[in-house]
Amino acid sequence: MPDHAFAARLNSFRAGATDYWRGKSGKVTTFDLIARAATVDGLGAVDLNYPDHLEGTTDGAMAAHLRDCGLALNGYAMRYYTDPAFKIGAFTNPDPAVRRKAIDLTRRGIDSMRAAGGRVMTLWLGQDGFDYSFQADYRALWDMEVAAIREVAAHDPAVDVSIEYKPNEPRAFAVLPDVATTLLAVREAGAANLGVTLDFAHVLYAGEMPAYAAALVARHSRLLGVHLNDGYAHRDDGLMVGAVHVQQTIELLAALDGIGYDGVLYFDTFPDVSGLDPVAECAANIAAVRAMLGVAGRLKASPALAEAVARQDAVAGQRLVQAALFGA
């Protein structure tokens, strides 16, 4: 199994800020969060939200601080909440001026990321969607979404642009809610530097099997990012990796090896929601994934499992997986 680098959601490290930065004057900065993240043994990279994580600093200063902390910049994730008008759409806003603002913000984000040393711009288009019947012209929404994605990808063909889909939230229905719809948009946009990011919890509550989604992405596009977490498949719970869906996580890790994904594994978890120690939580995620990668490696080496899968023999497959997990 490949030796993946691990990254984590930077805002997680705001949890317990008052106690951690006791006596600190002023607000907690991005630099503070990066320094705290760097204390996690085994964490090698971070992603930054644009534009908010870059406020008050420069691309060069950010790159220098990351180097000083011993962390790499994996990439940026766009956030479209700087303008209240984005609430009814960023790339699909009915106002052409607001759409242009969202596209230009993304282009500046790509420039900033390259200057800071990142390689993947992730687009989570949560504001692009609808909430009511007769609210939107669906064909127009699709045309605007695809046209904007195409323009953003063309801005710098040397930068990978990855679409992270999610069924809903904050909109009741997202324009890009699942793997199949996202792959249709990527194909129609037609840019070689486009791909898909799979978020485990998003995939679950899209009603999908994570390993199958990864296989589809690898077949029809490129898998550019993997966000690991867990949940109960009803919303974006952001639980620790393997807390609920152990077998599905292991199967995804095995599938990533099968398709040749050797990129960063990013922990998109929410320790700050329930007041967990974010450093301990991140370390637990790393330990869990390393253990599950070990199980996935043992299963990969099992001819009996390969034969069971070829026969679609669920009983034999489950016995072998459980033996690898529990020694049964």
Protein backbone atom coordinates (compact mmCIF):
# COMPACT_ATOMS: atom_id res chain seq x y z
CA MET A 1 0.00 0.00 0.00
CA PRO A 2 1.33 3.52 -0.75
CA ASP A 3 2.71 5.68 2.04
CA HIS A 4 0.17 8.50 1.89
CA ALA A 5 0.76 11.95 3.28
CA PHE A 6 -1.91 13.10 5.72
CA ALA A 7 -3.59 16.50 5.83
CA ALA A 8 -6.32 17.86 8.09
CA ARG A 9 -9.06 20.45 8.18
CA LEU A 10 -7.33 23.53 9.56
CA ASN A 11 -10.38 25.01 11.27
CA SER A 12 -10.57 21.88 13.44
CA PHE A 13 -7.65 23.27 15.40
CA ARG A 14 -9.75 26.15 16.70
CA ALA A 15 -11.31 23.72 19.19
CA GLY A 16 -10.51 24.69 22.78
CA ALA A 17 -8.83 27.88 21.58
CA THR A 18 -9.32 29.78 24.85
CA ASP A 19 -7.48 27.14 26.86
CA TYR A 20 -4.84 26.36 24.25
CA TRP A 21 -3.90 29.99 23.63
CA ARG A 22 -4.45 31.11 27.20
CA GLY A 23 -3.60 34.76 27.62
CA LYS A 24 -3.31 35.38 23.89
CA SER A 25 -4.24 38.90 22.85
CA GLY A 26 -6.10 39.28 19.58
CA LYS A 27 -7.87 36.68 17.50
CA VAL A 28 -6.49 33.28 16.62
CA THR A 29 -4.85 33.54 13.20
CA THR A 30 -4.27 31.09 10.39
CA PHE A 31 -0.61 31.03 11.40
CA ASP A 32 -1.65 29.98 14.91
CA LEU A 33 -3.80 27.16 13.54
CA ILE A 34 -0.98 25.92 11.32
CA ALA A 35 1.46 25.91 14.23
CA ARG A 36 -0.98 23.88 16.33
CA ALA A 37 -1.63 21.43 13.49
CA ALA A 38 2.11 20.92 13.15
CA THR A 39 2.20 19.39 16.64
CA VAL A 40 0.32 16.30 15.37
CA ASP A 41 2.79 13.47 14.86
CA GLY A 42 2.45 12.20 11.30
CA LEU A 43 0.57 15.17 9.86
CA GLY A 44 2.46 16.39 6.82
CA ALA A 45 0.18 18.82 4.98
CA VAL A 46 -2.71 21.22 5.22
CA ASP A 47 -5.33 22.69 2.92
CA LEU A 48 -6.28 26.36 3.22
CA ASN A 49 -9.69 27.89 2.67
CA TYR A 50 -9.65 30.79 0.24
CA PRO A 51 -10.03 33.66 0.78
CA ASP A 52 -10.52 33.57 4.56
CA HIS A 53 -7.32 31.75 5.57
CA LEU A 54 -5.24 34.21 3.55
CA GLU A 55 -6.69 37.34 5.14
CA GLY A 56 -4.03 39.54 6.70
CA THR A 57 -1.08 37.78 5.08
CA THR A 58 0.61 37.18 1.73
CA ASP A 59 1.20 34.09 -0.35
CA GLY A 60 4.94 34.28 0.29
CA ALA A 61 4.54 34.71 4.04
CA MET A 62 2.15 31.76 4.14
CA ALA A 63 4.58 29.54 2.22
CA ALA A 64 7.41 30.53 4.57
CA HIS A 65 5.33 29.83 7.68
CA LEU A 66 4.34 26.40 6.39
CA ARG A 67 8.01 25.57 5.74
CA ASP A 68 8.97 26.77 9.20
CA CYS A 69 6.32 24.47 10.71
CA GLY A 70 7.42 21.50 8.62
CA LEU A 71 4.14 21.25 6.70
CA ALA A 72 3.42 21.13 2.98
CA LEU A 73 0.55 22.94 1.29
CA ASN A 74 -1.64 20.39 -0.45
CA GLY A 75 -4.00 22.95 -1.94
CA TYR A 76 -6.79 25.44 -1.44
CA ALA A 77 -10.52 24.98 -1.00
CA MET A 78 -12.74 27.77 -2.28
CA ARG A 79 -15.33 29.26 0.07
CA TYR A 80 -18.15 31.36 -1.36
CA TYR A 81 -19.53 33.17 1.65
CA THR A 82 -17.63 36.45 1.45
CA ASP A 83 -20.56 38.07 -0.34
CA PRO A 84 -24.13 37.62 0.98
CA ALA A 85 -25.30 37.46 -2.64
CA PHE A 86 -23.57 34.08 -2.99
CA LYS A 87 -26.30 32.58 -0.79
CA ILE A 88 -28.44 31.99 -3.85
CA GLY A 89 -25.56 30.83 -5.99
CA ALA A 90 -21.93 31.48 -6.81
CA PHE A 91 -21.41 30.05 -10.29
CA THR A 92 -25.20 29.78 -10.78
CA ASN A 93 -26.25 33.14 -9.37
CA PRO A 94 -29.02 34.80 -11.40
CA ASP A 95 -27.06 38.06 -11.41
CA PRO A 96 -24.26 37.96 -14.02
CA ALA A 97 -22.19 40.40 -11.95
CA VAL A 98 -22.28 38.07 -8.94
CA ARG A 99 -21.38 35.07 -11.10
CA ARG A 100 -18.45 37.05 -12.48
CA LYS A 101 -17.39 37.94 -8.94
CA ALA A 102 -17.39 34.26 -7.94
CA ILE A 103 -15.42 33.21 -11.01
CA ASP A 104 -12.86 35.99 -10.59
CA LEU A 105 -12.50 35.18 -6.88
CA THR A 106 -11.72 31.58 -7.85
CA ARG A 107 -9.17 32.67 -10.43
CA ARG A 108 -7.42 34.81 -7.83
CA GLY A 109 -7.48 31.83 -5.51
CA ILE A 110 -5.72 29.69 -8.11
CA ASP A 111 -3.03 32.35 -8.53
CA SER A 112 -2.58 32.62 -4.78
CA MET A 113 -2.35 28.86 -4.36
CA ARG A 114 0.33 28.50 -7.01
CA ALA A 115 2.34 31.29 -5.42
CA ALA A 116 2.08 29.58 -2.02
CA GLY A 117 3.14 26.21 -3.43
CA GLY A 118 -0.17 24.30 -3.63
CA ARG A 119 -1.22 21.96 -6.42
CA VAL A 120 -4.99 21.30 -6.18
CA MET A 121 -7.84 23.81 -6.10
CA THR A 122 -10.94 22.17 -4.64
CA LEU A 123 -14.35 23.56 -5.54
CA TRP A 124 -17.19 22.79 -3.15
CA LEU A 125 -20.15 24.49 -4.81
CA GLY A 126 -22.57 24.22 -1.92
CA GLN A 127 -24.32 27.50 -2.72
CA ASP A 128 -25.13 26.37 -6.26
CA GLY A 129 -28.54 24.75 -6.11
CA PHE A 130 -32.21 25.34 -5.37
CA ASP A 131 -34.71 24.95 -2.54
CA TYR A 132 -38.19 25.13 -4.12
CA SER A 133 -40.10 23.93 -7.12
CA PHE A 134 -40.39 26.66 -9.75
CA GLN A 135 -37.41 28.48 -8.24
CA ALA A 136 -34.91 27.85 -11.02
CA ASP A 137 -34.54 26.96 -14.67
CA TYR A 138 -32.60 23.70 -14.32
CA ARG A 139 -31.13 23.85 -17.81
CA ALA A 140 -29.88 27.36 -17.16
CA LEU A 141 -28.37 26.31 -13.81
CA TRP A 142 -26.50 23.49 -15.51
CA ASP A 143 -25.24 25.70 -18.32
CA MET A 144 -23.97 28.33 -15.88
CA GLU A 145 -22.30 25.73 -13.65
CA VAL A 146 -20.47 23.98 -16.45
CA ALA A 147 -19.44 27.23 -18.17
CA ALA A 148 -17.96 28.60 -14.94
CA ILE A 149 -16.10 25.37 -14.17
CA ARG A 150 -14.70 25.37 -17.69
CA GLU A 151 -13.53 28.98 -17.37
CA VAL A 152 -11.93 28.38 -13.98
CA ALA A 153 -10.09 25.30 -15.26
CA ALA A 154 -8.83 27.24 -18.28
CA HIS A 155 -7.36 29.98 -16.08
CA ASP A 156 -4.23 27.93 -15.35
CA PRO A 157 -4.07 24.53 -17.07
CA ALA A 158 -1.06 23.58 -14.91
CA VAL A 159 -3.26 23.60 -11.78
CA ASP A 160 -5.60 20.71 -11.02
CA VAL A 161 -9.18 21.77 -10.28
CA SER A 162 -11.23 19.24 -8.34
CA ILE A 163 -15.00 19.17 -7.76
CA GLU A 164 -16.13 18.05 -4.30
CA TYR A 165 -19.76 17.06 -4.56
CA LYS A 166 -22.34 17.00 -1.77
CA PRO A 167 -26.07 16.18 -1.96
CA ASN A 168 -27.25 19.32 -0.17
CA GLU A 169 -26.46 21.89 2.54
CA PRO A 170 -26.69 24.80 2.55
CA ARG A 171 -29.11 24.43 -0.41
CA ALA A 172 -31.86 21.81 -0.27
CA PHE A 173 -30.66 20.44 -3.62
CA ALA A 174 -27.17 20.87 -5.04
CA VAL A 175 -26.54 21.18 -8.76
CA LEU A 176 -23.74 18.60 -8.33
CA PRO A 177 -25.10 16.18 -5.70
CA ASP A 178 -23.49 12.84 -6.55
CA VAL A 179 -20.69 11.13 -8.43
CA ALA A 180 -22.57 10.51 -11.67
CA THR A 181 -23.82 14.09 -12.04
CA THR A 182 -20.38 15.45 -11.18
CA LEU A 183 -18.74 13.23 -13.78
CA LEU A 184 -21.25 14.45 -16.37
CA ALA A 185 -20.29 18.05 -15.57
CA VAL A 186 -16.56 17.29 -15.71
CA ARG A 187 -16.98 15.55 -19.07
CA GLU A 188 -19.04 18.40 -20.48
CA ALA A 189 -16.59 21.04 -19.22
CA GLY A 190 -13.94 19.11 -21.13
CA ALA A 191 -10.76 20.31 -19.40
CA ALA A 192 -7.81 17.99 -18.90
CA ASN A 193 -6.99 19.49 -15.50
CA LEU A 194 -10.43 18.75 -14.01
CA GLY A 195 -11.18 15.93 -11.59
CA VAL A 196 -13.17 14.89 -8.55
CA THR A 197 -12.68 14.93 -4.78
CA LEU A 198 -14.50 12.27 -2.79
CA ASP A 199 -15.59 13.19 0.72
CA PHE A 200 -16.47 9.96 2.57
CA ALA A 201 -19.44 11.41 4.49
CA HIS A 202 -20.79 13.17 1.39
CA VAL A 203 -20.57 9.92 -0.56
CA LEU A 204 -22.43 8.04 2.17
CA TYR A 205 -25.35 10.39 2.31
CA ALA A 206 -25.50 10.57 -1.46
CA GLY A 207 -26.48 6.90 -1.08
CA GLU A 208 -23.25 5.66 -2.68
CA MET A 209 -20.62 3.03 -1.84
CA PRO A 210 -17.29 4.88 -1.48
CA ALA A 211 -15.13 2.29 -3.26
CA TYR A 212 -17.58 2.16 -6.18
CA ALA A 213 -17.56 5.96 -6.44
CA ALA A 214 -13.76 5.91 -6.56
CA ALA A 215 -13.82 3.30 -9.31
CA LEU A 216 -16.23 5.39 -11.39
CA VAL A 217 -14.12 8.52 -10.98
CA ALA A 218 -10.97 6.65 -12.02
CA ARG A 219 -12.76 5.23 -15.06
CA HIS A 220 -14.26 8.49 -16.32
CA SER A 221 -12.05 11.26 -14.90
CA ARG A 222 -9.27 11.65 -12.32
CA LEU A 223 -9.45 11.27 -8.56
CA LEU A 224 -7.70 14.39 -7.27
CA GLY A 225 -8.64 14.35 -3.58
CA VAL A 226 -9.90 12.07 -0.82
CA HIS A 227 -11.51 13.42 2.35
CA LEU A 228 -11.75 10.84 5.11
CA ASN A 229 -14.23 11.06 7.97
CA ASP A 230 -17.35 9.13 8.95
CA GLY A 231 -21.02 9.58 9.76
CA TYR A 232 -24.45 8.01 9.85
CA ALA A 233 -25.23 8.73 6.19
CA HIS A 234 -27.94 11.32 6.91
CA ARG A 235 -25.79 14.47 6.98
CA ASP A 236 -22.19 15.66 7.03
CA ASP A 237 -21.37 14.40 10.54
CA GLY A 238 -17.58 14.77 10.32
CA LEU A 239 -16.88 11.92 12.75
CA MET A 240 -13.50 10.31 13.25
CA VAL A 241 -12.35 7.91 10.53
CA GLY A 242 -13.73 4.40 11.00
CA ALA A 243 -16.11 5.39 13.79
CA VAL A 244 -19.10 3.88 11.96
CA HIS A 245 -18.15 2.44 8.56
CA VAL A 246 -14.97 0.43 9.12
CA GLN A 247 -15.37 -2.05 6.26
CA GLN A 248 -16.41 0.63 3.78
CA THR A 249 -13.34 2.71 4.72
CA ILE A 250 -11.03 -0.27 4.28
CA GLU A 251 -12.64 -1.11 0.95
CA LEU A 252 -12.11 2.49 -0.18
CA LEU A 253 -8.45 2.39 0.85
CA ALA A 254 -8.03 -0.85 -1.08
CA ALA A 255 -9.77 0.68 -4.09
CA LEU A 256 -7.46 3.71 -3.95
CA ASP A 257 -4.49 1.36 -4.17
CA GLY A 258 -6.13 -0.46 -7.06
CA ILE A 259 -6.59 2.70 -9.12
CA GLY A 260 -3.12 4.02 -8.28
CA TYR A 261 -4.12 6.94 -6.07
CA ASP A 262 -1.05 7.96 -4.09
CA GLY A 263 -2.14 11.47 -3.12
CA VAL A 264 -2.90 13.11 0.19
CA LEU A 265 -5.51 11.68 2.56
CA TYR A 266 -7.28 14.64 4.14
CA PHE A 267 -9.19 14.42 7.41
CA ASP A 268 -12.36 16.47 7.05
CA THR A 269 -13.58 15.93 10.59
CA PHE A 270 -15.25 18.20 13.13
CA PRO A 271 -13.69 17.84 16.60
CA ASP A 272 -14.57 21.47 17.24
CA VAL A 273 -18.31 20.70 17.11
CA SER A 274 -18.22 18.48 20.20
CA GLY A 275 -15.21 19.99 21.95
CA LEU A 276 -12.71 17.20 21.29
CA ASP A 277 -8.98 17.82 21.55
CA PRO A 278 -8.19 18.40 17.86
CA VAL A 279 -4.57 17.27 18.15
CA ALA A 280 -5.55 13.99 19.81
CA GLU A 281 -8.44 13.54 17.38
CA CYS A 282 -6.18 14.02 14.36
CA ALA A 283 -3.60 11.63 15.79
CA ALA A 284 -6.37 9.05 16.29
CA ASN A 285 -7.40 9.46 12.65
CA ILE A 286 -3.84 8.88 11.47
CA ALA A 287 -3.48 5.78 13.66
CA ALA A 288 -6.82 4.42 12.44
CA VAL A 289 -5.98 4.91 8.77
CA ARG A 290 -2.54 3.35 9.16
CA ALA A 291 -4.14 0.32 10.82
CA MET A 292 -6.79 0.07 8.11
CA LEU A 293 -4.16 0.39 5.38
CA GLY A 294 -2.46 -2.59 6.99
CA VAL A 295 -5.69 -4.57 6.84
CA ALA A 296 -6.24 -3.49 3.23
CA GLY A 297 -2.72 -4.67 2.38
CA ARG A 298 -3.34 -8.09 3.91
CA LEU A 299 -6.61 -8.41 2.04
CA LYS A 300 -4.93 -7.40 -1.21
CA ALA A 301 -2.51 -10.30 -0.75
CA SER A 302 -5.32 -12.81 -0.20
CA PRO A 303 -6.00 -15.05 -3.25
CA ALA A 304 -9.02 -16.45 -1.40
CA LEU A 305 -10.61 -13.00 -1.16
CA ALA A 306 -9.91 -12.29 -4.82
CA GLU A 307 -11.62 -15.55 -5.71
CA ALA A 308 -14.59 -14.79 -3.42
CA VAL A 309 -15.00 -11.35 -5.00
CA ALA A 310 -14.82 -12.85 -8.49
CA ARG A 311 -17.64 -15.23 -7.50
CA GLN A 312 -19.51 -12.39 -5.76
CA ASP A 313 -19.58 -14.68 -2.73
CA ALA A 314 -20.55 -12.33 0.10
CA VAL A 315 -20.39 -14.99 2.82
CA ALA A 316 -16.85 -16.07 2.00
CA GLY A 317 -15.80 -12.46 1.53
CA GLN A 318 -17.17 -11.38 4.89
CA ARG A 319 -15.50 -14.26 6.70
CA LEU A 320 -12.14 -13.36 5.19
CA VAL A 321 -12.53 -9.63 5.93
CA GLN A 322 -13.59 -10.31 9.50
CA ALA A 323 -10.67 -12.68 9.97
CA ALA A 324 -8.32 -9.93 8.79
CA LEU A 325 -9.97 -7.47 11.15
CA PHE A 326 -10.51 -9.60 14.25
CA GLY A 327 -8.37 -12.69 13.79
CA ALA A 328 -11.54 -14.77 13.83
